[in-house]
C-alpha atoms as a PDB file:
ATOM      1  CA  MET A   1       8.999 -22.810  21.402  1.00  0.00           C
ATOM      2  CA  LEU A   2       9.543 -22.958  17.632  1.00  0.00           C
ATOM      3  CA  LYS A   3       5.812 -23.510  17.113  1.00  0.00           C
ATOM      4  CA  ARG A   4       4.947 -20.373  19.049  1.00  0.00           C
ATOM      5  CA  MET A   5       7.670 -18.363  17.303  1.00  0.00           C
ATOM      6  CA  LEU A   6       6.303 -19.336  13.903  1.00  0.00           C
ATOM      7  CA  LYS A   7       2.830 -18.147  14.847  1.00  0.00           C
ATOM      8  CA  ILE A   8       4.136 -14.814  16.106  1.00  0.00           C
ATOM      9  CA  LEU A   9       6.853 -13.985  13.622  1.00  0.00           C
ATOM     10  CA  LEU A  10       5.249 -14.394  10.216  1.00  0.00           C
ATOM     11  CA  PRO A  11       4.971 -10.695   9.448  1.00  0.00           C
ATOM     12  CA  ALA A  12       2.998  -8.557   7.100  1.00  0.00           C
ATOM     13  CA  LEU A  13       3.834  -4.908   7.486  1.00  0.00           C
ATOM     14  CA  LEU A  14       1.084  -2.432   7.064  1.00  0.00           C
ATOM     15  CA  PHE A  15       0.772   1.072   8.139  1.00  0.00           C
ATOM     16  CA  SER A  16      -0.683   4.198   9.787  1.00  0.00           C
ATOM     17  CA  GLN A  17      -0.085   7.734  10.909  1.00  0.00           C
ATOM     18  CA  LEU A  18      -2.058   9.273  13.751  1.00  0.00           C
ATOM     19  CA  ILE A  19      -3.933   6.263  14.657  1.00  0.00           C
ATOM     20  CA  CYS A  20      -3.111   3.007  12.953  1.00  0.00           C
ATOM     21  CA  ILE A  21      -0.848   0.727  10.934  1.00  0.00           C
ATOM     22  CA  PRO A  22      -1.032  -3.041  10.452  1.00  0.00           C
ATOM     23  CA  ALA A  23       1.866  -5.395  11.142  1.00  0.00           C
ATOM     24  CA  TYR A  24       2.894  -8.934  11.788  1.00  0.00           C
ATOM     25  CA  ALA A  25       0.711 -11.817  10.749  1.00  0.00           C
ATOM     26  CA  GLY A  26       0.114 -14.600  13.214  1.00  0.00           C
ATOM     27  CA  LEU A  27      -0.848 -14.106  16.870  1.00  0.00           C
ATOM     28  CA  SER A  28       0.587 -10.651  17.324  1.00  0.00           C
ATOM     29  CA  ALA A  29      -0.245  -6.972  17.272  1.00  0.00           C
ATOM     30  CA  HIS A  30      -1.976  -5.569  14.208  1.00  0.00           C
ATOM     31  CA  TYR A  31      -0.411  -2.118  14.434  1.00  0.00           C
ATOM     32  CA  GLN A  32       3.000  -1.878  12.782  1.00  0.00           C
ATOM     33  CA  ASN A  33       5.451   0.186  14.787  1.00  0.00           C
ATOM     34  CA  GLY A  34       7.422   2.840  12.953  1.00  0.00           C
ATOM     35  CA  GLY A  35       4.652   4.635  11.076  1.00  0.00           C
ATOM     36  CA  GLU A  36       4.837   7.828  13.133  1.00  0.00           C
ATOM     37  CA  GLY A  37       7.505   9.964  14.749  1.00  0.00           C
ATOM     38  CA  ILE A  38       7.899  13.750  14.999  1.00  0.00           C
ATOM     39  CA  LYS A  39       4.547  15.442  15.784  1.00  0.00           C
ATOM     40  CA  ALA A  40       2.884  12.020  15.801  1.00  0.00           C
ATOM     41  CA  ALA A  41      -0.307  13.335  17.444  1.00  0.00           C
ATOM     42  CA  THR A  42      -0.663  16.409  15.215  1.00  0.00           C
ATOM     43  CA  ILE A  43      -3.493  16.304  12.672  1.00  0.00           C
ATOM     44  CA  PRO A  44      -3.734  18.849   9.806  1.00  0.00           C
ATOM     45  CA  PRO A  45      -6.651  21.307   9.463  1.00  0.00           C
ATOM     46  CA  PRO A  46      -9.948  20.415   7.758  1.00  0.00           C
ATOM     47  CA  GLY A  47      -9.466  19.011   4.268  1.00  0.00           C
ATOM     48  CA  PHE A  48      -8.856  15.807   2.330  1.00  0.00           C
ATOM     49  CA  TYR A  49      -5.435  14.136   2.442  1.00  0.00           C
ATOM     50  CA  PHE A  50      -3.785  11.118   0.863  1.00  0.00           C
ATOM     51  CA  ARG A  51      -0.895   9.580   2.735  1.00  0.00           C
ATOM     52  CA  GLN A  52       1.206   6.696   1.443  1.00  0.00           C
ATOM     53  CA  TYR A  53       3.463   4.794   3.833  1.00  0.00           C
ATOM     54  CA  ASN A  54       6.292   2.815   2.249  1.00  0.00           C
ATOM     55  CA  MET A  55       7.640   0.595   5.006  1.00  0.00           C
ATOM     56  CA  PHE A  56      10.736  -1.585   4.565  1.00  0.00           C
ATOM     57  CA  TYR A  57      11.582  -4.101   7.309  1.00  0.00           C
ATOM     58  CA  LYS A  58      14.632  -6.375   7.350  1.00  0.00           C
ATOM     59  CA  SER A  59      15.636  -8.857  10.030  1.00  0.00           C
ATOM     60  CA  ASP A  60      17.880 -11.905  10.346  1.00  0.00           C
ATOM     61  CA  ASP A  61      17.694 -12.102  14.145  1.00  0.00           C
ATOM     62  CA  LEU A  62      15.087 -14.300  15.796  1.00  0.00           C
ATOM     63  CA  ILE A  63      14.829 -13.650  19.548  1.00  0.00           C
ATOM     64  CA  ASP A  64      13.595 -16.242  22.039  1.00  0.00           C
ATOM     65  CA  ALA A  65      11.523 -15.887  25.219  1.00  0.00           C
ATOM     66  CA  ASN A  66      14.650 -15.045  27.254  1.00  0.00           C
ATOM     67  CA  GLY A  67      15.713 -12.225  24.912  1.00  0.00           C
ATOM     68  CA  ASP A  68      18.536 -14.277  23.375  1.00  0.00           C
ATOM     69  CA  THR A  69      19.208 -14.616  19.639  1.00  0.00           C
ATOM     70  CA  LEU A  70      18.449 -18.060  18.200  1.00  0.00           C
ATOM     71  CA  ASN A  71      21.762 -18.774  16.478  1.00  0.00           C
ATOM     72  CA  ASN A  72      21.852 -21.076  13.452  1.00  0.00           C
ATOM     73  CA  SER A  73      18.096 -20.707  12.941  1.00  0.00           C
ATOM     74  CA  GLY A  74      18.547 -19.668   9.306  1.00  0.00           C
ATOM     75  CA  PHE A  75      15.999 -16.914   9.888  1.00  0.00           C
ATOM     76  CA  ASP A  76      15.687 -14.198   7.243  1.00  0.00           C
ATOM     77  CA  LEU A  77      12.764 -11.829   6.821  1.00  0.00           C
ATOM     78  CA  THR A  78      12.218  -9.038   4.298  1.00  0.00           C
ATOM     79  CA  THR A  79       8.927  -7.157   4.070  1.00  0.00           C
ATOM     80  CA  TYR A  80       7.655  -4.168   2.134  1.00  0.00           C
ATOM     81  CA  ALA A  81       4.278  -2.550   2.707  1.00  0.00           C
ATOM     82  CA  MET A  82       2.691   0.214   0.654  1.00  0.00           C
ATOM     83  CA  ALA A  83      -0.133   1.408   2.870  1.00  0.00           C
ATOM     84  CA  ASN A  84      -2.520   3.839   1.215  1.00  0.00           C
ATOM     85  CA  ARG A  85      -4.396   6.069   3.637  1.00  0.00           C
ATOM     86  CA  PHE A  86      -7.321   8.320   2.799  1.00  0.00           C
ATOM     87  CA  ILE A  87      -8.036  10.956   5.454  1.00  0.00           C
ATOM     88  CA  TRP A  88     -10.995  13.337   5.665  1.00  0.00           C
ATOM     89  CA  VAL A  89     -10.765  16.020   8.339  1.00  0.00           C
ATOM     90  CA  THR A  90     -14.229  17.569   8.403  1.00  0.00           C
ATOM     91  CA  ASP A  91     -15.218  21.092   9.406  1.00  0.00           C
ATOM     92  CA  LYS A  92     -17.491  19.636  12.095  1.00  0.00           C
ATOM     93  CA  LYS A  93     -16.640  20.271  15.746  1.00  0.00           C
ATOM     94  CA  LEU A  94     -17.160  17.914  18.666  1.00  0.00           C
ATOM     95  CA  LEU A  95     -15.980  18.737  22.180  1.00  0.00           C
ATOM     96  CA  GLY A  96     -14.004  21.594  20.645  1.00  0.00           C
ATOM     97  CA  ALA A  97     -12.122  19.242  18.333  1.00  0.00           C
ATOM     98  CA  ASP A  98     -12.085  18.640  14.567  1.00  0.00           C
ATOM     99  CA  PHE A  99     -13.923  15.435  13.646  1.00  0.00           C
ATOM    100  CA  LEU A 100     -12.147  13.174  11.142  1.00  0.00           C
ATOM    101  CA  MET A 101     -12.252   9.680   9.666  1.00  0.00           C
ATOM    102  CA  ASN A 102      -9.933   7.608   7.519  1.00  0.00           C
ATOM    103  CA  VAL A 103      -9.281   4.223   5.950  1.00  0.00           C
ATOM    104  CA  VAL A 104      -6.037   2.389   5.156  1.00  0.00           C
ATOM    105  CA  ILE A 105      -5.657  -0.134   2.339  1.00  0.00           C
ATOM    106  CA  PRO A 106      -2.274  -1.933   2.551  1.00  0.00           C
ATOM    107  CA  LEU A 107      -0.444  -3.856  -0.139  1.00  0.00           C
ATOM    108  CA  VAL A 108       2.183  -6.142   1.362  1.00  0.00           C
ATOM    109  CA  TYR A 109       5.136  -8.205   0.128  1.00  0.00           C
ATOM    110  CA  VAL A 110       6.736 -10.738   2.487  1.00  0.00           C
ATOM    111  CA  ASP A 111       9.808 -12.921   1.872  1.00  0.00           C
ATOM    112  CA  PHE A 112      10.253 -15.346   4.772  1.00  0.00           C
ATOM    113  CA  GLU A 113      12.844 -18.042   5.459  1.00  0.00           C
ATOM    114  CA  LEU A 114      13.530 -20.264   8.452  1.00  0.00           C
ATOM    115  CA  GLY A 115      16.306 -22.541   7.286  1.00  0.00           C
ATOM    116  CA  SER A 116      16.459 -24.708  10.429  1.00  0.00           C
ATOM    117  CA  ALA A 117      12.836 -25.746   9.822  1.00  0.00           C
ATOM    118  CA  GLY A 118      13.158 -25.948   6.030  1.00  0.00           C
ATOM    119  CA  ILE A 119      10.572 -23.197   5.555  1.00  0.00           C
ATOM    120  CA  THR A 120      10.678 -20.624   2.741  1.00  0.00           C
ATOM    121  CA  ASP A 121       7.752 -18.578   1.444  1.00  0.00           C
ATOM    122  CA  ASP A 122       7.013 -15.290  -0.302  1.00  0.00           C
ATOM    123  CA  HIS A 123       3.785 -13.538  -1.205  1.00  0.00           C
ATOM    124  CA  PHE A 124       2.391 -10.193  -2.387  1.00  0.00           C
ATOM    125  CA  GLY A 125      -1.191  -9.173  -1.750  1.00  0.00           C
ATOM    126  CA  ILE A 126      -3.659  -7.002   0.135  1.00  0.00           C
ATOM    127  CA  GLY A 127      -3.384  -6.991   3.911  1.00  0.00           C
ATOM    128  CA  ASP A 128      -5.954  -6.448   6.633  1.00  0.00           C
ATOM    129  CA  ILE A 129      -7.797  -3.168   6.012  1.00  0.00           C
ATOM    130  CA  TYR A 130      -7.875  -0.535   8.730  1.00  0.00           C
ATOM    131  CA  ILE A 131     -11.006   1.562   9.302  1.00  0.00           C
ATOM    132  CA  GLU A 132     -11.199   4.569  11.605  1.00  0.00           C
ATOM    133  CA  PRO A 133     -14.743   5.975  11.620  1.00  0.00           C
ATOM    134  CA  PHE A 134     -14.255   8.256  14.612  1.00  0.00           C
ATOM    135  CA  ALA A 135     -11.344  10.484  15.578  1.00  0.00           C
ATOM    136  CA  LEU A 136     -10.945  13.904  17.176  1.00  0.00           C
ATOM    137  CA  ALA A 137      -8.118  16.439  16.870  1.00  0.00           C
ATOM    138  CA  TRP A 138      -7.589  19.392  19.192  1.00  0.00           C
ATOM    139  CA  HIS A 139      -5.268  22.351  18.547  1.00  0.00           C
ATOM    140  CA  GLY A 140      -4.036  24.744  21.236  1.00  0.00           C
ATOM    141  CA  ALA A 141      -1.476  27.531  21.392  1.00  0.00           C
ATOM    142  CA  ARG A 142       1.227  25.158  22.654  1.00  0.00           C
ATOM    143  CA  TYR A 143      -0.197  21.695  21.989  1.00  0.00           C
ATOM    144  CA  ASP A 144      -2.031  19.373  19.599  1.00  0.00           C
ATOM    145  CA  ALA A 145      -3.927  16.306  20.791  1.00  0.00           C
ATOM    146  CA  ALA A 146      -5.766  13.401  19.209  1.00  0.00           C
ATOM    147  CA  LEU A 147      -8.142  10.594  20.139  1.00  0.00           C
ATOM    148  CA  GLY A 148      -9.447   7.857  17.836  1.00  0.00           C
ATOM    149  CA  LEU A 149     -11.248   4.521  17.649  1.00  0.00           C
ATOM    150  CA  CYS A 150     -10.418   2.069  14.876  1.00  0.00           C
ATOM    151  CA  ALA A 151     -10.663  -1.557  13.774  1.00  0.00           C
ATOM    152  CA  TYR A 152      -8.713  -3.936  11.564  1.00  0.00           C
ATOM    153  CA  ALA A 153     -10.804  -6.245   9.370  1.00  0.00           C
ATOM    154  CA  PRO A 154      -9.426  -9.712   8.404  1.00  0.00           C
ATOM    155  CA  THR A 155      -9.361  -8.998   4.658  1.00  0.00           C
ATOM    156  CA  GLY A 156      -5.872 -10.297   3.877  1.00  0.00           C
ATOM    157  CA  ASN A 157      -5.101 -13.876   2.844  1.00  0.00           C
ATOM    158  CA  ALA A 158      -4.395 -16.074   5.865  1.00  0.00           C
ATOM    159  CA  ASP A 159      -3.150 -19.655   5.983  1.00  0.00           C
ATOM    160  CA  ASP A 160      -1.067 -21.256   8.734  1.00  0.00           C
ATOM    161  CA  SER A 161       0.819 -23.232   6.069  1.00  0.00           C
ATOM    162  CA  ARG A 162       1.823 -20.004   4.254  1.00  0.00           C
ATOM    163  CA  PRO A 163       3.891 -17.847   6.635  1.00  0.00           C
ATOM    164  CA  ALA A 164       4.210 -15.032   4.058  1.00  0.00           C
ATOM    165  CA  TYR A 165       0.447 -14.458   3.843  1.00  0.00           C
ATOM    166  CA  PRO A 166      -0.284 -11.006   5.335  1.00  0.00           C
ATOM    167  CA  GLY A 167      -3.696 -11.631   6.939  1.00  0.00           C
ATOM    168  CA  LYS A 168      -4.090 -12.344  10.646  1.00  0.00           C
ATOM    169  CA  ASP A 169      -7.503 -14.011  10.371  1.00  0.00           C
ATOM    170  CA  TYR A 170      -8.975 -12.091  13.300  1.00  0.00           C
ATOM    171  CA  TRP A 171     -10.448  -8.678  14.063  1.00  0.00           C
ATOM    172  CA  THR A 172      -8.712  -6.090  16.219  1.00  0.00           C
ATOM    173  CA  GLY A 173     -10.216  -3.083  17.965  1.00  0.00           C
ATOM    174  CA  MET A 174      -7.909  -0.250  18.976  1.00  0.00           C
ATOM    175  CA  ILE A 175      -8.086   3.007  20.904  1.00  0.00           C
ATOM    176  CA  ASN A 176      -5.469   5.685  20.198  1.00  0.00           C
ATOM    177  CA  THR A 177      -4.583   8.856  22.002  1.00  0.00           C
ATOM    178  CA  GLY A 178      -1.633  11.222  21.965  1.00  0.00           C
ATOM    179  CA  VAL A 179      -0.298  14.742  22.392  1.00  0.00           C
ATOM    180  CA  THR A 180       2.299  17.001  20.764  1.00  0.00           C
ATOM    181  CA  LEU A 181       3.762  19.707  23.004  1.00  0.00           C
ATOM    182  CA  TYR A 182       5.559  22.839  21.746  1.00  0.00           C
ATOM    183  CA  PHE A 183       8.276  24.431  23.836  1.00  0.00           C
ATOM    184  CA  ASP A 184       8.261  27.879  22.214  1.00  0.00           C
ATOM    185  CA  THR A 185       5.557  30.225  20.919  1.00  0.00           C
ATOM    186  CA  ASP A 186       6.704  29.778  17.303  1.00  0.00           C
ATOM    187  CA  LYS A 187       6.266  25.991  17.663  1.00  0.00           C
ATOM    188  CA  THR A 188       9.758  25.218  16.365  1.00  0.00           C
ATOM    189  CA  TRP A 189      10.611  22.723  19.151  1.00  0.00           C
ATOM    190  CA  SER A 190       8.261  19.819  19.770  1.00  0.00           C
ATOM    191  CA  ALA A 191       7.896  16.543  21.667  1.00  0.00           C
ATOM    192  CA  SER A 192       5.160  14.048  20.959  1.00  0.00           C
ATOM    193  CA  VAL A 193       3.850  10.690  22.108  1.00  0.00           C
ATOM    194  CA  LEU A 194       1.083   8.593  20.535  1.00  0.00           C
ATOM    195  CA  ALA A 195      -0.234   5.552  22.420  1.00  0.00           C
ATOM    196  CA  ARG A 196      -2.381   2.645  21.215  1.00  0.00           C
ATOM    197  CA  TYR A 197      -4.137  -0.235  22.959  1.00  0.00           C
ATOM    198  CA  GLU A 198      -5.228  -3.298  20.955  1.00  0.00           C
ATOM    199  CA  VAL A 199      -7.850  -5.917  21.802  1.00  0.00           C
ATOM    200  CA  HIS A 200      -8.104  -8.938  19.475  1.00  0.00           C
ATOM    201  CA  SER A 201     -10.967 -11.239  18.581  1.00  0.00           C
ATOM    202  CA  GLU A 202     -10.726 -15.023  18.440  1.00  0.00           C
ATOM    203  CA  LYS A 203      -8.763 -16.328  15.450  1.00  0.00           C
ATOM    204  CA  ASN A 204     -11.133 -17.816  12.847  1.00  0.00           C
ATOM    205  CA  ASN A 205     -11.804 -21.559  13.147  1.00  0.00           C
ATOM    206  CA  THR A 206      -9.776 -21.866  16.352  1.00  0.00           C
ATOM    207  CA  ASP A 207     -10.157 -21.401  20.073  1.00  0.00           C
ATOM    208  CA  ILE A 208      -7.231 -18.968  20.265  1.00  0.00           C
ATOM    209  CA  ARG A 209      -7.324 -15.291  21.188  1.00  0.00           C
ATOM    210  CA  ALA A 210      -4.110 -13.241  21.140  1.00  0.00           C
ATOM    211  CA  GLY A 211      -3.229 -11.223  24.220  1.00  0.00           C
ATOM    212  CA  ASP A 212      -3.777  -7.457  24.309  1.00  0.00           C
ATOM    213  CA  ASP A 213      -0.995  -5.159  23.073  1.00  0.00           C
ATOM    214  CA  PHE A 214       0.134  -1.678  24.126  1.00  0.00           C
ATOM    215  CA  HIS A 215       2.289   0.565  21.907  1.00  0.00           C
ATOM    216  CA  PHE A 216       3.570   4.076  21.951  1.00  0.00           C
ATOM    217  CA  GLU A 217       5.582   6.058  19.433  1.00  0.00           C
ATOM    218  CA  TRP A 218       7.473   9.205  20.300  1.00  0.00           C
ATOM    219  CA  GLY A 219       9.394  11.985  18.580  1.00  0.00           C
ATOM    220  CA  ILE A 220      11.473  15.040  19.480  1.00  0.00           C
ATOM    221  CA  GLY A 221      11.910  17.524  16.667  1.00  0.00           C
ATOM    222  CA  LYS A 222      13.055  20.936  15.476  1.00  0.00           C
ATOM    223  CA  THR A 223      11.323  22.881  12.679  1.00  0.00           C
ATOM    224  CA  ILE A 224      13.677  24.793  10.362  1.00  0.00           C
ATOM    225  CA  ALA A 225      12.558  27.573   7.979  1.00  0.00           C
ATOM    226  CA  ARG A 226       8.935  26.434   8.477  1.00  0.00           C
ATOM    227  CA  LEU A 227       9.533  23.703   5.885  1.00  0.00           C
ATOM    228  CA  TRP A 228      11.861  21.146   7.456  1.00  0.00           C
ATOM    229  CA  ASP A 229      11.548  18.954  10.554  1.00  0.00           C
ATOM    230  CA  VAL A 230      14.501  16.998  11.918  1.00  0.00           C
ATOM    231  CA  GLY A 231      14.775  14.961  15.072  1.00  0.00           C
ATOM    232  CA  LEU A 232      14.859  11.662  16.930  1.00  0.00           C
ATOM    233  CA  THR A 233      12.022   9.121  17.030  1.00  0.00           C
ATOM    234  CA  GLY A 234      11.263   5.787  18.638  1.00  0.00           C
ATOM    235  CA  TYR A 235       8.672   3.222  19.611  1.00  0.00           C
ATOM    236  CA  CYS A 236       7.878   0.657  22.290  1.00  0.00           C
ATOM    237  CA  GLN A 237       5.537  -2.332  22.200  1.00  0.00           C
ATOM    238  CA  TRP A 238       4.503  -4.809  24.882  1.00  0.00           C
ATOM    239  CA  GLN A 239       2.060  -7.697  24.930  1.00  0.00           C
ATOM    240  CA  VAL A 240       0.238  -7.006  28.196  1.00  0.00           C
ATOM    241  CA  SER A 241      -2.018 -10.059  28.653  1.00  0.00           C
ATOM    242  CA  ASP A 242      -1.753 -13.790  28.021  1.00  0.00           C
ATOM    243  CA  ASP A 243      -2.819 -15.562  24.855  1.00  0.00           C
ATOM    244  CA  ARG A 244      -5.903 -17.596  25.720  1.00  0.00           C
ATOM    245  CA  GLY A 245      -8.109 -20.408  24.446  1.00  0.00           C
ATOM    246  CA  ASP A 246      -8.167 -24.211  24.518  1.00  0.00           C
ATOM    247  CA  ASP A 247      -6.057 -24.435  21.330  1.00  0.00           C
ATOM    248  CA  VAL A 248      -3.075 -22.545  22.810  1.00  0.00           C
ATOM    249  CA  THR A 249      -0.190 -25.050  22.973  1.00  0.00           C
ATOM    250  CA  TRP A 250       2.675 -22.679  23.876  1.00  0.00           C
ATOM    251  CA  ASP A 251       3.641 -21.015  27.138  1.00  0.00           C
ATOM    252  CA  ARG A 252       0.945 -18.377  27.710  1.00  0.00           C
ATOM    253  CA  SER A 253       3.114 -16.475  30.174  1.00  0.00           C
ATOM    254  CA  VAL A 254       5.618 -15.508  27.456  1.00  0.00           C
ATOM    255  CA  HIS A 255       4.820 -11.977  26.231  1.00  0.00           C
ATOM    256  CA  ASP A 256       6.568 -10.471  23.200  1.00  0.00           C
ATOM    257  CA  ARG A 257       8.034  -6.958  23.228  1.00  0.00           C
ATOM    258  CA  VAL A 258      10.310  -4.699  21.188  1.00  0.00           C
ATOM    259  CA  TYR A 259      11.792  -1.182  21.179  1.00  0.00           C
ATOM    260  CA  GLY A 260      13.054   0.982  18.319  1.00  0.00           C
ATOM    261  CA  ILE A 261      14.934   4.268  17.901  1.00  0.00           C
ATOM    262  CA  GLY A 262      16.296   6.356  15.022  1.00  0.00           C
ATOM    263  CA  PRO A 263      16.403   9.684  13.154  1.00  0.00           C
ATOM    264  CA  GLU A 264      13.771  11.397  11.020  1.00  0.00           C
ATOM    265  CA  VAL A 265      13.817  14.214   8.462  1.00  0.00           C
ATOM    266  CA  SER A 266      10.817  15.662   6.648  1.00  0.00           C
ATOM    267  CA  VAL A 267      10.089  18.515   4.252  1.00  0.00           C
ATOM    268  CA  PHE A 268       6.943  20.176   2.909  1.00  0.00           C
ATOM    269  CA  LEU A 269       6.885  21.466  -0.685  1.00  0.00           C
ATOM    270  CA  PRO A 270       4.235  24.238  -0.754  1.00  0.00           C
ATOM    271  CA  ASN A 271       4.004  24.554  -4.546  1.00  0.00           C
ATOM    272  CA  LEU A 272       3.180  20.849  -4.850  1.00  0.00           C
ATOM    273  CA  LYS A 273       1.198  20.598  -1.615  1.00  0.00           C
ATOM    274  CA  LEU A 274       3.339  17.555  -0.901  1.00  0.00           C
ATOM    275  CA  GLY A 275       5.095  16.396   2.243  1.00  0.00           C
ATOM    276  CA  LEU A 276       7.974  13.874   2.341  1.00  0.00           C
ATOM    277  CA  THR A 277       9.197  12.081   5.465  1.00  0.00           C
ATOM    278  CA  LEU A 278      12.099   9.644   5.816  1.00  0.00           C
ATOM    279  CA  ARG A 279      12.606   7.717   9.037  1.00  0.00           C
ATOM    280  CA  ASN A 280      14.969   4.895  10.000  1.00  0.00           C
ATOM    281  CA  GLN A 281      14.699   2.943  13.254  1.00  0.00           C
ATOM    282  CA  TRP A 282      16.800   0.147  14.747  1.00  0.00           C
ATOM    283  CA  GLU A 283      15.116  -2.374  17.010  1.00  0.00           C
ATOM    284  CA  PHE A 284      16.516  -3.589  20.337  1.00  0.00           C
ATOM    285  CA  GLY A 285      15.375  -5.338  23.498  1.00  0.00           C
ATOM    286  CA  ALA A 286      13.134  -7.766  21.587  1.00  0.00           C
ATOM    287  CA  VAL A 287      11.587 -10.817  23.233  1.00  0.00           C
ATOM    288  CA  ASP A 288       9.881 -13.740  21.452  1.00  0.00           C
ATOM    289  CA  ARG A 289       9.918 -12.154  17.987  1.00  0.00           C
ATOM    290  CA  SER A 290      12.190 -10.772  15.281  1.00  0.00           C
ATOM    291  CA  GLU A 291      14.593  -7.862  15.843  1.00  0.00           C
ATOM    292  CA  GLY A 292      15.607  -5.790  12.827  1.00  0.00           C
ATOM    293  CA  ASN A 293      15.537  -2.447  11.062  1.00  0.00           C
ATOM    294  CA  MET A 294      12.553  -0.405   9.883  1.00  0.00           C
ATOM    295  CA  THR A 295      12.882   2.262   7.173  1.00  0.00           C
ATOM    296  CA  THR A 296       9.784   4.320   6.371  1.00  0.00           C
ATOM    297  CA  LEU A 297       9.197   6.765   3.523  1.00  0.00           C
ATOM    298  CA  VAL A 298       5.932   8.698   3.821  1.00  0.00           C
ATOM    299  CA  LEU A 299       4.327  10.831   1.103  1.00  0.00           C
ATOM    300  CA  THR A 300       1.475  13.161   2.081  1.00  0.00           C
ATOM    301  CA  LYS A 301      -0.606  14.960  -0.543  1.00  0.00           C
ATOM    302  CA  THR A 302      -2.972  17.783   0.367  1.00  0.00           C
ATOM    303  CA  PHE A 303      -6.039  18.407  -1.805  1.00  0.00           C
END
């Protein structure tokens, strides 16, 4: 069990907004939960945008396959990711939607300790880069919707003997789709959900392929004075298929999962064309992974 836990829990937080964010290194999902919340599926109008996700994750609880905390494991994990996202929403239309593309370049710091196994490691470096060449955004009187296709490239350092390295050493393809609904004509009350499905390639130099993962993030919010958004956000993640390959030595039937929930507040400063978002989410219900706290500060600059 410890061997499998080590492969799954060596994280490297990355990021994303509408459609992607990288996450834990090892055989696990690439997308890092917690990047989106209120109006998660809402994309801005045509233009160029820079979005920086500052994601802070802290955990000292390691959860086993039965959902129980591994006491006396000496587990301690601190990660920080600065994920830099460049978004171009074009003025081209396809199927009535705005066509957009974006890329995410993450810088990741990981400080990892597992005292019971005598393992300590820390590292700072570039993570796996996210590329989204195709995405669509629709806007209606009482809704926004989005659909995108993206991939994570194995650009980050990866080494099974270095648990703090952020790279996963495999490719991931992902499809994303979501909707934001407005409950009044002024669009001051909203509810959103953004879902993602990940399919992973074989890990380099092994006969191991991680199982598929399904995520969704949600948010319920209220807009105040057309500048502020406040509300409640959350996320869910499940591994939905078995790990596979001749080199898999752990129990394939064990699937990791986690849930998170917490508040969000954001403000837009028109004179600076700058948006600020602060979100904090507490994890619960974890299985076969860490369970901790995610704090995310997002800066969005409009050009």
